[in-house]
Amino acid sequence: MQQLYSDLSFHLLNDDRPSIYLNEIYDKPEFKQYPFSMLRRLRSTEQSPVHHPEGNVWNHTLLVVDEAAKRKSRSTDAPVFMWSALLHDIGKPATTKIRKGKITAYNHDKLGEKLARQFLHEFTRDRVFIDKVAFLVRYHMQILFVVNDMPYKDIKGMKLQTDIHEVALLGLCDRLGRTGANPAEEERQVRLFIERCAAAKTGINE
């Protein structure tokens, strides 16, 4: 199990398309065991075809890690960034439900923080690394919340616990990891997110 974690870390950091390796290990016996089984469940978790025409959460995650691989040089911590990309939707299997005929996954970001910690704790005791990944998972939906001024936005908490620029980079990859995404529009949304976070009065010395 530890070897698979090490190999996966290597491919996340060094491959142009880590999705190829992820598909290769999907049916390995070790990948069927906990905690990798949490990632394996992504394939059986469907998403709204309106927002995710690429299909299930596994398909989406593969697209996101490939987008992240293109941009990891822009991150201040590539290992944290790539593991965040892989684990960002780990909370969806447990939160996905059909409500009024629509597929939803409310609070998957909050549960995702907890599950990301559980996953990584199986392989490392580096609490700084685990915290950084977990908080990026926790706040990866904030672009949507902040740009649309939704009640779930938490600029103060985000600034206290992580880096809004890392959230923005991960969020961009998340938004581009969908079939038919418009790169220019997604970049515009991310810029707006950063501007609104910078302008927000949170009472934090920056």
N, C-alpha and C. Protein backbone atom coordinates (compact mmCIF):
# COMPACT_ATOMS: atom_id res chain seq x y z
N MET A 1 0.82 -1.21 0.00
CA MET A 1 0.00 0.00 0.00
C MET A 1 0.87 1.27 0.00
N GLN A 2 1.88 1.26 0.85
CA GLN A 2 2.76 2.43 0.91
C GLN A 2 3.49 2.64 -0.42
N GLN A 3 3.84 1.55 -1.07
CA GLN A 3 4.53 1.65 -2.36
C GLN A 3 3.61 2.25 -3.41
N LEU A 4 2.35 1.86 -3.39
CA LEU A 4 1.39 2.41 -4.35
C LEU A 4 1.23 3.92 -4.12
N TYR A 5 1.18 4.32 -2.87
CA TYR A 5 1.10 5.75 -2.54
C TYR A 5 2.32 6.48 -3.08
N SER A 6 3.50 5.91 -2.89
CA SER A 6 4.73 6.54 -3.37
C SER A 6 4.75 6.62 -4.88
N ASP A 7 4.33 5.53 -5.53
CA ASP A 7 4.28 5.52 -7.00
C ASP A 7 3.28 6.55 -7.52
N LEU A 8 2.14 6.63 -6.85
CA LEU A 8 1.12 7.59 -7.28
C LEU A 8 1.63 9.02 -7.11
N SER A 9 2.31 9.28 -6.01
CA SER A 9 2.89 10.60 -5.80
C SER A 9 3.87 10.95 -6.92
N PHE A 10 4.68 9.97 -7.30
CA PHE A 10 5.66 10.19 -8.37
C PHE A 10 4.95 10.56 -9.68
N HIS A 11 3.92 9.82 -10.03
CA HIS A 11 3.23 10.07 -11.30
C HIS A 11 2.45 11.39 -11.26
N LEU A 12 1.89 11.73 -10.12
CA LEU A 12 1.20 13.02 -10.02
C LEU A 12 2.15 14.18 -10.26
N LEU A 13 3.37 14.04 -9.80
CA LEU A 13 4.34 15.13 -9.91
C LEU A 13 5.12 15.13 -11.21
N ASN A 14 5.20 14.00 -11.88
CA ASN A 14 6.10 13.91 -13.04
C ASN A 14 5.43 13.64 -14.38
N ASP A 15 4.21 13.16 -14.37
CA ASP A 15 3.55 12.83 -15.63
C ASP A 15 2.86 14.05 -16.23
N ASP A 16 2.88 14.13 -17.55
CA ASP A 16 2.10 15.17 -18.22
C ASP A 16 0.61 14.89 -18.08
N ARG A 17 0.27 13.60 -18.05
CA ARG A 17 -1.14 13.19 -17.89
C ARG A 17 -1.21 12.08 -16.84
N PRO A 18 -1.29 12.45 -15.56
CA PRO A 18 -1.38 11.43 -14.50
C PRO A 18 -2.59 10.53 -14.63
N SER A 19 -3.58 10.96 -15.38
CA SER A 19 -4.79 10.15 -15.57
C SER A 19 -4.48 8.79 -16.17
N ILE A 20 -3.45 8.72 -16.99
CA ILE A 20 -3.10 7.44 -17.62
C ILE A 20 -2.70 6.43 -16.55
N TYR A 21 -1.86 6.84 -15.63
CA TYR A 21 -1.43 5.94 -14.56
C TYR A 21 -2.61 5.59 -13.65
N LEU A 22 -3.45 6.56 -13.35
CA LEU A 22 -4.60 6.29 -12.49
C LEU A 22 -5.53 5.24 -13.09
N ASN A 23 -5.73 5.31 -14.39
CA ASN A 23 -6.55 4.28 -15.04
C ASN A 23 -5.86 2.91 -15.03
N GLU A 24 -4.54 2.93 -15.10
CA GLU A 24 -3.80 1.67 -15.09
C GLU A 24 -3.90 0.95 -13.75
N ILE A 25 -3.95 1.71 -12.65
CA ILE A 25 -3.96 1.08 -11.32
C ILE A 25 -5.37 0.85 -10.78
N TYR A 26 -6.37 1.28 -11.51
CA TYR A 26 -7.74 1.23 -11.00
C TYR A 26 -8.15 -0.18 -10.56
N ASP A 27 -7.74 -1.20 -11.31
CA ASP A 27 -8.15 -2.58 -10.99
C ASP A 27 -7.09 -3.37 -10.24
N LYS A 28 -6.03 -2.70 -9.80
CA LYS A 28 -5.03 -3.39 -8.98
C LYS A 28 -5.64 -3.76 -7.63
N PRO A 29 -5.25 -4.92 -7.08
CA PRO A 29 -5.80 -5.33 -5.78
C PRO A 29 -5.61 -4.28 -4.69
N GLU A 30 -4.45 -3.62 -4.67
CA GLU A 30 -4.19 -2.62 -3.63
C GLU A 30 -5.14 -1.42 -3.75
N PHE A 31 -5.53 -1.09 -4.98
CA PHE A 31 -6.39 0.06 -5.20
C PHE A 31 -7.83 -0.21 -4.75
N LYS A 32 -8.14 -1.49 -4.59
CA LYS A 32 -9.47 -1.87 -4.12
C LYS A 32 -9.56 -1.84 -2.59
N GLN A 33 -8.40 -1.68 -1.95
CA GLN A 33 -8.37 -1.67 -0.49
C GLN A 33 -8.40 -0.24 0.05
N TYR A 34 -8.86 -0.12 1.30
CA TYR A 34 -8.87 1.18 1.98
C TYR A 34 -7.43 1.66 2.19
N PRO A 35 -7.14 2.94 1.99
CA PRO A 35 -8.05 4.04 1.67
C PRO A 35 -8.24 4.30 0.18
N PHE A 36 -7.51 3.57 -0.68
CA PHE A 36 -7.65 3.81 -2.11
C PHE A 36 -9.07 3.52 -2.58
N SER A 37 -9.77 2.67 -1.85
CA SER A 37 -11.15 2.36 -2.21
C SER A 37 -12.03 3.61 -2.22
N MET A 38 -11.65 4.63 -1.44
CA MET A 38 -12.40 5.88 -1.45
C MET A 38 -12.31 6.56 -2.81
N LEU A 39 -11.16 6.45 -3.44
CA LEU A 39 -11.02 6.99 -4.79
C LEU A 39 -11.74 6.12 -5.81
N ARG A 40 -11.70 4.83 -5.60
CA ARG A 40 -12.33 3.90 -6.54
C ARG A 40 -13.85 4.14 -6.62
N ARG A 41 -14.42 4.59 -5.51
CA ARG A 41 -15.86 4.84 -5.48
C ARG A 41 -16.27 6.02 -6.37
N LEU A 42 -15.30 6.82 -6.77
CA LEU A 42 -15.63 7.97 -7.61
C LEU A 42 -16.23 7.54 -8.94
N ARG A 43 -15.83 6.36 -9.42
CA ARG A 43 -16.33 5.91 -10.73
C ARG A 43 -17.82 5.57 -10.69
N SER A 44 -18.31 5.14 -9.56
CA SER A 44 -19.73 4.77 -9.46
C SER A 44 -20.59 5.92 -8.96
N THR A 45 -20.00 7.11 -8.85
CA THR A 45 -20.73 8.29 -8.38
C THR A 45 -21.05 9.20 -9.55
N GLU A 46 -22.32 9.29 -9.88
CA GLU A 46 -22.74 10.10 -11.02
C GLU A 46 -22.83 11.57 -10.64
N GLN A 47 -22.84 12.41 -11.65
CA GLN A 47 -22.93 13.86 -11.46
C GLN A 47 -24.00 14.43 -12.38
N SER A 48 -24.39 15.66 -12.10
CA SER A 48 -25.38 16.33 -12.94
C SER A 48 -24.86 16.48 -14.37
N PRO A 49 -25.56 15.95 -15.35
CA PRO A 49 -25.09 16.08 -16.74
C PRO A 49 -25.07 17.53 -17.22
N VAL A 50 -25.81 18.39 -16.54
CA VAL A 50 -25.81 19.81 -16.91
C VAL A 50 -24.46 20.44 -16.58
N HIS A 51 -23.97 20.17 -15.38
CA HIS A 51 -22.71 20.76 -14.94
C HIS A 51 -21.50 19.89 -15.24
N HIS A 52 -21.73 18.59 -15.42
CA HIS A 52 -20.63 17.66 -15.65
C HIS A 52 -20.95 16.68 -16.78
N PRO A 53 -20.94 17.17 -18.03
CA PRO A 53 -21.23 16.29 -19.15
C PRO A 53 -20.20 15.18 -19.35
N GLU A 54 -19.05 15.30 -18.67
CA GLU A 54 -18.02 14.25 -18.79
C GLU A 54 -18.43 12.97 -18.06
N GLY A 55 -19.46 13.06 -17.20
CA GLY A 55 -19.96 11.85 -16.55
C GLY A 55 -19.64 11.77 -15.07
N ASN A 56 -19.19 10.61 -14.63
CA ASN A 56 -19.02 10.35 -13.21
C ASN A 56 -17.84 11.12 -12.61
N VAL A 57 -17.73 11.05 -11.28
CA VAL A 57 -16.71 11.83 -10.57
C VAL A 57 -15.30 11.36 -10.92
N TRP A 58 -15.13 10.09 -11.21
CA TRP A 58 -13.82 9.58 -11.62
C TRP A 58 -13.38 10.24 -12.92
N ASN A 59 -14.27 10.28 -13.90
CA ASN A 59 -13.94 10.93 -15.18
C ASN A 59 -13.54 12.39 -14.95
N HIS A 60 -14.32 13.06 -14.12
CA HIS A 60 -14.02 14.47 -13.81
C HIS A 60 -12.67 14.60 -13.13
N THR A 61 -12.39 13.76 -12.15
CA THR A 61 -11.13 13.84 -11.41
C THR A 61 -9.93 13.62 -12.32
N LEU A 62 -10.05 12.69 -13.26
CA LEU A 62 -8.95 12.45 -14.21
C LEU A 62 -8.67 13.71 -15.04
N LEU A 63 -9.73 14.37 -15.47
CA LEU A 63 -9.56 15.61 -16.23
C LEU A 63 -8.91 16.69 -15.37
N VAL A 64 -9.31 16.75 -14.11
CA VAL A 64 -8.78 17.78 -13.21
C VAL A 64 -7.29 17.57 -12.94
N VAL A 65 -6.88 16.33 -12.67
CA VAL A 65 -5.46 16.09 -12.39
C VAL A 65 -4.60 16.38 -13.63
N ASP A 66 -5.14 16.15 -14.80
CA ASP A 66 -4.39 16.48 -16.01
C ASP A 66 -4.27 17.98 -16.19
N GLU A 67 -5.34 18.70 -15.88
CA GLU A 67 -5.27 20.17 -15.93
C GLU A 67 -4.29 20.69 -14.88
N ALA A 68 -4.30 20.07 -13.70
CA ALA A 68 -3.38 20.48 -12.64
C ALA A 68 -1.93 20.21 -13.02
N ALA A 69 -1.70 19.10 -13.71
CA ALA A 69 -0.33 18.77 -14.13
C ALA A 69 0.23 19.84 -15.06
N LYS A 70 -0.63 20.46 -15.85
CA LYS A 70 -0.19 21.52 -16.76
C LYS A 70 0.20 22.79 -16.00
N ARG A 71 -0.35 22.95 -14.80
CA ARG A 71 -0.22 24.22 -14.09
C ARG A 71 0.52 24.10 -12.75
N LYS A 72 1.05 22.93 -12.45
CA LYS A 72 1.66 22.75 -11.12
C LYS A 72 2.86 23.66 -10.90
N SER A 73 3.51 24.11 -11.97
CA SER A 73 4.65 25.02 -11.82
C SER A 73 4.21 26.38 -11.29
N ARG A 74 2.92 26.68 -11.38
CA ARG A 74 2.39 27.94 -10.87
C ARG A 74 2.03 27.86 -9.38
N SER A 75 2.09 26.66 -8.83
CA SER A 75 1.78 26.48 -7.42
C SER A 75 3.02 26.70 -6.57
N THR A 76 2.81 27.12 -5.34
CA THR A 76 3.93 27.29 -4.41
C THR A 76 4.33 25.97 -3.76
N ASP A 77 3.51 24.94 -3.93
CA ASP A 77 3.78 23.63 -3.33
C ASP A 77 3.16 22.56 -4.22
N ALA A 78 3.92 22.09 -5.21
CA ALA A 78 3.38 21.17 -6.21
C ALA A 78 2.83 19.87 -5.62
N PRO A 79 3.51 19.22 -4.65
CA PRO A 79 2.93 17.99 -4.09
C PRO A 79 1.57 18.23 -3.44
N VAL A 80 1.45 19.29 -2.67
CA VAL A 80 0.17 19.63 -2.05
C VAL A 80 -0.88 19.89 -3.12
N PHE A 81 -0.52 20.65 -4.12
CA PHE A 81 -1.44 21.02 -5.18
C PHE A 81 -1.94 19.79 -5.94
N MET A 82 -1.05 18.88 -6.29
CA MET A 82 -1.45 17.71 -7.08
C MET A 82 -2.30 16.74 -6.26
N TRP A 83 -1.94 16.56 -4.99
CA TRP A 83 -2.77 15.69 -4.16
C TRP A 83 -4.13 16.33 -3.89
N SER A 84 -4.17 17.62 -3.81
CA SER A 84 -5.46 18.31 -3.65
C SER A 84 -6.34 18.11 -4.89
N ALA A 85 -5.72 18.16 -6.04
CA ALA A 85 -6.47 17.93 -7.28
C ALA A 85 -7.05 16.52 -7.30
N LEU A 86 -6.27 15.55 -6.88
CA LEU A 86 -6.74 14.16 -6.88
C LEU A 86 -7.86 13.94 -5.85
N LEU A 87 -7.75 14.57 -4.70
CA LEU A 87 -8.68 14.30 -3.60
C LEU A 87 -9.82 15.32 -3.50
N HIS A 88 -9.88 16.28 -4.40
CA HIS A 88 -10.80 17.41 -4.19
C HIS A 88 -12.26 16.99 -4.09
N ASP A 89 -12.65 15.92 -4.77
CA ASP A 89 -14.05 15.50 -4.74
C ASP A 89 -14.24 14.17 -3.99
N ILE A 90 -13.33 13.85 -3.10
CA ILE A 90 -13.41 12.58 -2.39
C ILE A 90 -14.66 12.50 -1.50
N GLY A 91 -15.25 13.64 -1.20
CA GLY A 91 -16.46 13.68 -0.40
C GLY A 91 -17.74 13.44 -1.18
N LYS A 92 -17.67 13.36 -2.50
CA LYS A 92 -18.90 13.25 -3.30
C LYS A 92 -19.63 11.91 -3.17
N PRO A 93 -18.92 10.77 -3.13
CA PRO A 93 -19.68 9.52 -3.03
C PRO A 93 -20.65 9.48 -1.86
N ALA A 94 -20.25 9.99 -0.72
CA ALA A 94 -21.10 9.94 0.47
C ALA A 94 -22.16 11.03 0.52
N THR A 95 -22.02 12.06 -0.29
CA THR A 95 -22.96 13.18 -0.22
C THR A 95 -23.86 13.29 -1.45
N THR A 96 -23.60 12.50 -2.46
CA THR A 96 -24.40 12.59 -3.69
C THR A 96 -25.79 11.99 -3.50
N LYS A 97 -26.79 12.80 -3.80
CA LYS A 97 -28.19 12.37 -3.69
C LYS A 97 -29.00 12.98 -4.82
N ILE A 98 -30.15 12.39 -5.08
CA ILE A 98 -31.06 12.96 -6.06
C ILE A 98 -32.12 13.75 -5.30
N ARG A 99 -32.15 15.04 -5.57
CA ARG A 99 -33.12 15.92 -4.92
C ARG A 99 -33.96 16.59 -6.00
N LYS A 100 -35.26 16.37 -5.96
CA LYS A 100 -36.19 16.96 -6.93
C LYS A 100 -35.74 16.65 -8.36
N GLY A 101 -35.28 15.43 -8.55
CA GLY A 101 -34.90 14.98 -9.89
C GLY A 101 -33.52 15.41 -10.33
N LYS A 102 -32.77 16.09 -9.45
CA LYS A 102 -31.43 16.56 -9.80
C LYS A 102 -30.38 15.88 -8.93
N ILE A 103 -29.23 15.59 -9.52
CA ILE A 103 -28.12 15.00 -8.78
C ILE A 103 -27.36 16.11 -8.07
N THR A 104 -27.25 16.00 -6.76
CA THR A 104 -26.55 17.02 -5.98
C THR A 104 -25.50 16.36 -5.09
N ALA A 105 -24.56 17.17 -4.60
CA ALA A 105 -23.53 16.68 -3.66
C ALA A 105 -23.22 17.79 -2.67
N TYR A 106 -24.26 18.26 -1.99
CA TYR A 106 -24.09 19.36 -1.05
C TYR A 106 -23.13 18.98 0.08
N ASN A 107 -22.28 19.94 0.42
CA ASN A 107 -21.31 19.78 1.52
C ASN A 107 -20.22 18.74 1.24
N HIS A 108 -20.03 18.38 -0.01
CA HIS A 108 -18.95 17.42 -0.31
C HIS A 108 -17.59 18.03 -0.03
N ASP A 109 -17.51 19.36 -0.05
CA ASP A 109 -16.25 20.03 0.25
C ASP A 109 -15.88 19.88 1.73
N LYS A 110 -16.87 20.03 2.60
CA LYS A 110 -16.62 19.90 4.04
C LYS A 110 -16.29 18.46 4.42
N LEU A 111 -17.07 17.50 3.91
CA LEU A 111 -16.75 16.10 4.18
C LEU A 111 -15.43 15.73 3.53
N GLY A 112 -15.17 16.31 2.36
CA GLY A 112 -13.93 16.02 1.66
C GLY A 112 -12.69 16.36 2.47
N GLU A 113 -12.76 17.46 3.23
CA GLU A 113 -11.63 17.81 4.10
C GLU A 113 -11.34 16.67 5.08
N LYS A 114 -12.37 16.18 5.71
CA LYS A 114 -12.23 15.10 6.69
C LYS A 114 -11.69 13.83 6.05
N LEU A 115 -12.23 13.46 4.90
CA LEU A 115 -11.81 12.22 4.23
C LEU A 115 -10.40 12.34 3.66
N ALA A 116 -10.03 13.53 3.20
CA ALA A 116 -8.67 13.73 2.71
C ALA A 116 -7.66 13.52 3.83
N ARG A 117 -8.01 14.02 5.01
CA ARG A 117 -7.14 13.81 6.17
C ARG A 117 -7.01 12.33 6.49
N GLN A 118 -8.13 11.62 6.49
CA GLN A 118 -8.11 10.19 6.78
C GLN A 118 -7.26 9.44 5.76
N PHE A 119 -7.43 9.79 4.49
CA PHE A 119 -6.67 9.13 3.42
C PHE A 119 -5.18 9.32 3.62
N LEU A 120 -4.76 10.56 3.75
CA LEU A 120 -3.32 10.85 3.82
C LEU A 120 -2.69 10.37 5.11
N HIS A 121 -3.47 10.33 6.18
CA HIS A 121 -2.95 9.88 7.48
C HIS A 121 -2.53 8.41 7.42
N GLU A 122 -3.07 7.67 6.48
CA GLU A 122 -2.67 6.27 6.32
C GLU A 122 -1.24 6.13 5.82
N PHE A 123 -0.70 7.20 5.23
CA PHE A 123 0.60 7.09 4.58
C PHE A 123 1.67 8.04 5.10
N THR A 124 1.25 9.11 5.75
CA THR A 124 2.23 10.10 6.20
C THR A 124 1.81 10.71 7.53
N ARG A 125 2.80 11.11 8.31
CA ARG A 125 2.54 11.83 9.56
C ARG A 125 2.92 13.30 9.43
N ASP A 126 3.13 13.75 8.21
CA ASP A 126 3.47 15.14 7.94
C ASP A 126 2.20 15.98 8.06
N ARG A 127 1.98 16.52 9.26
CA ARG A 127 0.74 17.22 9.54
C ARG A 127 0.60 18.50 8.73
N VAL A 128 1.72 19.15 8.44
CA VAL A 128 1.67 20.37 7.62
C VAL A 128 1.16 20.04 6.22
N PHE A 129 1.70 18.98 5.64
CA PHE A 129 1.27 18.54 4.31
C PHE A 129 -0.21 18.17 4.33
N ILE A 130 -0.62 17.38 5.31
CA ILE A 130 -2.01 16.95 5.40
C ILE A 130 -2.94 18.15 5.55
N ASP A 131 -2.56 19.10 6.41
CA ASP A 131 -3.38 20.30 6.61
C ASP A 131 -3.53 21.09 5.32
N LYS A 132 -2.43 21.27 4.61
CA LYS A 132 -2.48 22.07 3.38
C LYS A 132 -3.40 21.43 2.34
N VAL A 133 -3.28 20.13 2.16
CA VAL A 133 -4.13 19.43 1.20
C VAL A 133 -5.59 19.50 1.64
N ALA A 134 -5.82 19.19 2.91
CA ALA A 134 -7.20 19.14 3.42
C ALA A 134 -7.90 20.49 3.31
N PHE A 135 -7.19 21.56 3.59
CA PHE A 135 -7.82 22.87 3.52
C PHE A 135 -8.09 23.30 2.08
N LEU A 136 -7.25 22.90 1.14
CA LEU A 136 -7.55 23.19 -0.27
C LEU A 136 -8.79 22.42 -0.71
N VAL A 137 -8.90 21.18 -0.26
CA VAL A 137 -10.10 20.40 -0.57
C VAL A 137 -11.32 21.10 0.05
N ARG A 138 -11.17 21.55 1.28
CA ARG A 138 -12.28 22.19 1.99
C ARG A 138 -12.78 23.44 1.27
N TYR A 139 -11.87 24.20 0.69
CA TYR A 139 -12.25 25.49 0.12
C TYR A 139 -12.32 25.51 -1.41
N HIS A 140 -12.25 24.35 -2.05
CA HIS A 140 -12.17 24.36 -3.52
C HIS A 140 -13.46 24.85 -4.19
N MET A 141 -14.57 24.90 -3.46
CA MET A 141 -15.82 25.39 -4.04
C MET A 141 -16.01 26.90 -3.85
N GLN A 142 -15.07 27.55 -3.20
CA GLN A 142 -15.26 28.95 -2.84
C GLN A 142 -15.31 29.89 -4.04
N ILE A 143 -14.74 29.52 -5.16
CA ILE A 143 -14.85 30.38 -6.35
C ILE A 143 -16.32 30.58 -6.70
N LEU A 144 -17.06 29.49 -6.75
CA LEU A 144 -18.50 29.56 -7.04
C LEU A 144 -19.21 30.38 -5.98
N PHE A 145 -18.91 30.13 -4.71
CA PHE A 145 -19.61 30.80 -3.62
C PHE A 145 -19.31 32.29 -3.57
N VAL A 146 -18.05 32.65 -3.77
CA VAL A 146 -17.65 34.06 -3.67
C VAL A 146 -18.13 34.85 -4.88
N VAL A 147 -17.92 34.34 -6.06
CA VAL A 147 -18.30 35.06 -7.28
C VAL A 147 -19.81 35.30 -7.33
N ASN A 148 -20.58 34.31 -6.83
CA ASN A 148 -22.03 34.44 -6.85
C ASN A 148 -22.61 34.97 -5.54
N ASP A 149 -21.71 35.41 -4.64
CA ASP A 149 -22.11 35.99 -3.35
C ASP A 149 -23.12 35.09 -2.62
N MET A 150 -22.77 33.83 -2.55
CA MET A 150 -23.65 32.85 -1.91
C MET A 150 -23.39 32.80 -0.40
N PRO A 151 -24.37 32.37 0.38
CA PRO A 151 -24.20 32.36 1.85
C PRO A 151 -23.12 31.39 2.33
N TYR A 152 -22.68 30.49 1.46
CA TYR A 152 -21.66 29.51 1.85
C TYR A 152 -20.24 30.07 1.73
N LYS A 153 -20.10 31.28 1.22
CA LYS A 153 -18.76 31.83 1.06
C LYS A 153 -18.12 32.04 2.44
N ASP A 154 -16.81 31.85 2.50
CA ASP A 154 -16.09 31.99 3.77
C ASP A 154 -14.70 32.53 3.49
N ILE A 155 -14.65 33.79 3.10
CA ILE A 155 -13.38 34.40 2.74
C ILE A 155 -12.45 34.48 3.94
N LYS A 156 -13.01 34.82 5.09
CA LYS A 156 -12.18 34.94 6.28
C LYS A 156 -11.54 33.59 6.65
N GLY A 157 -12.36 32.55 6.70
CA GLY A 157 -11.83 31.23 7.03
C GLY A 157 -10.81 30.76 6.03
N MET A 158 -11.08 31.01 4.76
CA MET A 158 -10.17 30.61 3.70
C MET A 158 -8.82 31.30 3.83
N LYS A 159 -8.85 32.61 4.11
CA LYS A 159 -7.60 33.36 4.25
C LYS A 159 -6.81 32.91 5.48
N LEU A 160 -7.51 32.51 6.52
CA LEU A 160 -6.84 32.06 7.73
C LEU A 160 -6.16 30.71 7.55
N GLN A 161 -6.79 29.84 6.77
CA GLN A 161 -6.36 28.45 6.73
C GLN A 161 -5.62 28.03 5.46
N THR A 162 -5.68 28.84 4.42
CA THR A 162 -5.01 28.46 3.19
C THR A 162 -4.65 29.71 2.39
N ASP A 163 -4.26 29.53 1.16
CA ASP A 163 -3.81 30.62 0.29
C ASP A 163 -4.84 30.77 -0.83
N ILE A 164 -5.45 31.95 -0.95
CA ILE A 164 -6.50 32.11 -1.95
C ILE A 164 -5.98 31.89 -3.37
N HIS A 165 -4.71 32.14 -3.60
CA HIS A 165 -4.16 31.93 -4.94
C HIS A 165 -4.05 30.44 -5.26
N GLU A 166 -3.76 29.63 -4.24
CA GLU A 166 -3.75 28.18 -4.44
C GLU A 166 -5.17 27.66 -4.65
N VAL A 167 -6.11 28.22 -3.89
CA VAL A 167 -7.52 27.86 -4.09
C VAL A 167 -7.95 28.23 -5.51
N ALA A 168 -7.54 29.40 -5.96
CA ALA A 168 -7.89 29.86 -7.30
C ALA A 168 -7.33 28.93 -8.38
N LEU A 169 -6.09 28.50 -8.20
CA LEU A 169 -5.46 27.63 -9.18
C LEU A 169 -6.14 26.27 -9.22
N LEU A 170 -6.41 25.72 -8.03
CA LEU A 170 -7.12 24.44 -7.97
C LEU A 170 -8.53 24.58 -8.54
N GLY A 171 -9.19 25.68 -8.18
CA GLY A 171 -10.54 25.90 -8.68
C GLY A 171 -10.58 26.03 -10.19
N LEU A 172 -9.56 26.66 -10.76
CA LEU A 172 -9.49 26.77 -12.22
C LEU A 172 -9.40 25.38 -12.85
N CYS A 173 -8.56 24.54 -12.30
CA CYS A 173 -8.42 23.17 -12.83
C CYS A 173 -9.71 22.39 -12.67
N ASP A 174 -10.39 22.61 -11.55
CA ASP A 174 -11.67 21.94 -11.30
C ASP A 174 -12.69 22.35 -12.36
N ARG A 175 -12.73 23.63 -12.67
CA ARG A 175 -13.71 24.15 -13.62
C ARG A 175 -13.36 23.76 -15.06
N LEU A 176 -12.06 23.65 -15.34
CA LEU A 176 -11.65 23.24 -16.68
C LEU A 176 -11.76 21.73 -16.88
N GLY A 177 -11.85 20.99 -15.77
CA GLY A 177 -11.94 19.53 -15.86
C GLY A 177 -13.34 19.05 -16.17
N ARG A 178 -13.95 19.65 -17.14
CA ARG A 178 -15.31 19.31 -17.56
C ARG A 178 -15.38 19.36 -19.08
N THR A 179 -16.11 18.46 -19.65
CA THR A 179 -16.28 18.46 -21.10
C THR A 179 -16.94 19.76 -21.54
N GLY A 180 -16.32 20.43 -22.52
CA GLY A 180 -16.91 21.65 -23.06
C GLY A 180 -16.63 22.91 -22.27
N ALA A 181 -15.69 22.87 -21.33
CA ALA A 181 -15.37 24.06 -20.53
C ALA A 181 -14.83 25.17 -21.42
N ASN A 182 -15.13 26.41 -21.05
CA ASN A 182 -14.67 27.59 -21.79
C ASN A 182 -13.50 28.21 -21.02
N PRO A 183 -12.26 27.98 -21.45
CA PRO A 183 -11.09 28.46 -20.70
C PRO A 183 -11.11 29.96 -20.42
N ALA A 184 -11.48 30.76 -21.41
CA ALA A 184 -11.48 32.22 -21.23
C ALA A 184 -12.47 32.63 -20.14
N GLU A 185 -13.64 32.04 -20.15
CA GLU A 185 -14.65 32.37 -19.15
C GLU A 185 -14.23 31.89 -17.76
N GLU A 186 -13.64 30.71 -17.69
CA GLU A 186 -13.21 30.19 -16.38
C GLU A 186 -12.07 31.04 -15.80
N GLU A 187 -11.17 31.47 -16.65
CA GLU A 187 -10.10 32.37 -16.20
C GLU A 187 -10.69 33.68 -15.68
N ARG A 188 -11.71 34.17 -16.35
CA ARG A 188 -12.35 35.41 -15.93
C ARG A 188 -13.00 35.25 -14.55
N GLN A 189 -13.66 34.12 -14.34
CA GLN A 189 -14.30 33.85 -13.05
C GLN A 189 -13.27 33.77 -11.93
N VAL A 190 -12.14 33.17 -12.22
CA VAL A 190 -11.09 33.05 -11.20
C VAL A 190 -10.49 34.42 -10.87
N ARG A 191 -10.28 35.24 -11.88
CA ARG A 191 -9.77 36.60 -11.63
C ARG A 191 -10.75 37.38 -10.76
N LEU A 192 -12.03 37.24 -11.03
CA LEU A 192 -13.06 37.93 -10.25
C LEU A 192 -13.04 37.44 -8.80
N PHE A 193 -12.86 36.14 -8.62
CA PHE A 193 -12.75 35.55 -7.28
C PHE A 193 -11.59 36.17 -6.50
N ILE A 194 -10.44 36.27 -7.13
CA ILE A 194 -9.26 36.83 -6.47
C ILE A 194 -9.49 38.29 -6.12
N GLU A 195 -10.10 39.04 -7.04
CA GLU A 195 -10.38 40.46 -6.79
C GLU A 195 -11.32 40.64 -5.61
N ARG A 196 -12.36 39.82 -5.54
CA ARG A 196 -13.33 39.96 -4.46
C ARG A 196 -12.75 39.53 -3.12
N CYS A 197 -11.89 38.52 -3.15
CA CYS A 197 -11.23 38.10 -1.91
C CYS A 197 -10.28 39.19 -1.42
N ALA A 198 -9.57 39.81 -2.35
CA ALA A 198 -8.63 40.87 -1.98
C ALA A 198 -9.35 42.09 -1.43
N ALA A 199 -10.54 42.36 -1.95
CA ALA A 199 -11.29 43.55 -1.55
C ALA A 199 -12.08 43.34 -0.26
N ALA A 200 -12.29 42.08 0.11
CA ALA A 200 -13.13 41.78 1.27
C ALA A 200 -12.46 42.24 2.56
N LYS A 201 -13.26 42.83 3.43
CA LYS A 201 -12.77 43.25 4.75
C LYS A 201 -13.04 42.12 5.72
N THR A 202 -11.98 41.41 6.09
CA THR A 202 -12.15 40.23 6.96
C THR A 202 -11.60 40.46 8.36
N GLY A 203 -10.95 41.59 8.57
CA GLY A 203 -10.36 41.83 9.88
C GLY A 203 -9.05 41.12 10.09
N ILE A 204 -8.49 40.60 9.00
CA ILE A 204 -7.21 39.89 9.10
C ILE A 204 -6.11 40.79 8.57
N ASN A 205 -5.01 40.88 9.29
CA ASN A 205 -3.86 41.65 8.82
C ASN A 205 -3.19 40.89 7.69
N GLU A 206 -3.09 41.54 6.55
CA GLU A 206 -2.53 40.86 5.38
C GLU A 206 -1.27 41.58 4.90
